Amino acid sequence: MELAVFTIVAFVLGGVLIMNRERIPERLRRPLAVTAVFLIAAAFVMVIARFMTAG
């Protein structure tokens, strides 16, 4: 359950950053983007690991 919530939140953060990139101040864009990429990659790895150990 926690993995599902984390995955949804990570992808929503990425979507919000993409949709509102013009409104985000220039100095915050890169750190937020790097954080979002890291969280999305971590969520993807966790989902794959869960599927690999489920069987």
C-alpha atoms as a PDB file:
ATOM      1  CA  MET A   1       0.000   0.000   0.000  1.00  0.00           C
ATOM      2  CA  GLU A   2       2.787   2.429   0.873  1.00  0.00           C
ATOM      3  CA  LEU A   3       4.507   1.653  -2.407  1.00  0.00           C
ATOM      4  CA  ALA A   4       1.372   2.546  -4.355  1.00  0.00           C
ATOM      5  CA  VAL A   5       1.050   5.864  -2.535  1.00  0.00           C
ATOM      6  CA  PHE A   6       4.729   6.687  -3.059  1.00  0.00           C
ATOM      7  CA  THR A   7       4.502   5.832  -6.758  1.00  0.00           C
ATOM      8  CA  ILE A   8       1.402   7.966  -7.281  1.00  0.00           C
ATOM      9  CA  VAL A   9       2.901  10.922  -5.411  1.00  0.00           C
ATOM     10  CA  ALA A  10       6.180  10.702  -7.352  1.00  0.00           C
ATOM     11  CA  PHE A  11       4.420  10.682 -10.718  1.00  0.00           C
ATOM     12  CA  VAL A  12       2.041  13.476  -9.695  1.00  0.00           C
ATOM     13  CA  LEU A  13       5.012  15.612  -8.623  1.00  0.00           C
ATOM     14  CA  GLY A  14       6.622  15.035 -12.006  1.00  0.00           C
ATOM     15  CA  GLY A  15       3.390  15.957 -13.786  1.00  0.00           C
ATOM     16  CA  VAL A  16       2.902  19.115 -11.753  1.00  0.00           C
ATOM     17  CA  LEU A  17       6.456  20.210 -12.479  1.00  0.00           C
ATOM     18  CA  ILE A  18       5.990  19.639 -16.209  1.00  0.00           C
ATOM     19  CA  MET A  19       2.638  21.432 -16.354  1.00  0.00           C
ATOM     20  CA  ASN A  20       3.768  24.451 -14.302  1.00  0.00           C
ATOM     21  CA  ARG A  21       7.354  24.860 -15.468  1.00  0.00           C
ATOM     22  CA  GLU A  22       6.820  28.491 -16.518  1.00  0.00           C
ATOM     23  CA  ARG A  23       5.511  29.462 -13.080  1.00  0.00           C
ATOM     24  CA  ILE A  24       8.404  27.935 -11.123  1.00  0.00           C
ATOM     25  CA  PRO A  25      11.221  30.401 -10.378  1.00  0.00           C
ATOM     26  CA  GLU A  26      14.377  29.815 -12.442  1.00  0.00           C
ATOM     27  CA  ARG A  27      16.576  28.986  -9.460  1.00  0.00           C
ATOM     28  CA  LEU A  28      14.193  26.233  -8.262  1.00  0.00           C
ATOM     29  CA  ARG A  29      13.578  24.494 -11.589  1.00  0.00           C
ATOM     30  CA  ARG A  30      16.693  22.354 -11.743  1.00  0.00           C
ATOM     31  CA  PRO A  31      16.666  21.145  -8.088  1.00  0.00           C
ATOM     32  CA  LEU A  32      12.961  20.290  -8.302  1.00  0.00           C
ATOM     33  CA  ALA A  33      13.452  18.484 -11.603  1.00  0.00           C
ATOM     34  CA  VAL A  34      16.372  16.447 -10.264  1.00  0.00           C
ATOM     35  CA  THR A  35      14.369  15.542  -7.158  1.00  0.00           C
ATOM     36  CA  ALA A  36      11.372  14.511  -9.250  1.00  0.00           C
ATOM     37  CA  VAL A  37      13.517  12.364 -11.556  1.00  0.00           C
ATOM     38  CA  PHE A  38      15.135  10.674  -8.560  1.00  0.00           C
ATOM     39  CA  LEU A  39      11.758   9.964  -6.918  1.00  0.00           C
ATOM     40  CA  ILE A  40      10.221   8.631 -10.143  1.00  0.00           C
ATOM     41  CA  ALA A  41      13.233   6.392 -10.781  1.00  0.00           C
ATOM     42  CA  ALA A  42      13.102   5.106  -7.204  1.00  0.00           C
ATOM     43  CA  ALA A  43       9.388   4.383  -7.509  1.00  0.00           C
ATOM     44  CA  PHE A  44       9.954   2.527 -10.787  1.00  0.00           C
ATOM     45  CA  VAL A  45      12.750   0.420  -9.264  1.00  0.00           C
ATOM     46  CA  MET A  46      10.615  -0.377  -6.206  1.00  0.00           C
ATOM     47  CA  VAL A  47       7.663  -1.462  -8.345  1.00  0.00           C
ATOM     48  CA  ILE A  48       9.904  -3.704 -10.471  1.00  0.00           C
ATOM     49  CA  ALA A  49      11.496  -5.180  -7.346  1.00  0.00           C
ATOM     50  CA  ARG A  50       8.063  -5.862  -5.874  1.00  0.00           C
ATOM     51  CA  PHE A  51       7.010  -7.715  -9.041  1.00  0.00           C
ATOM     52  CA  MET A  52      10.244  -9.723  -9.074  1.00  0.00           C
ATOM     53  CA  THR A  53       9.807 -10.886  -5.469  1.00  0.00           C
ATOM     54  CA  ALA A  54       6.041 -11.423  -5.614  1.00  0.00           C
ATOM     55  CA  GLY A  55       6.197 -14.845  -7.237  1.00  0.00           C
END
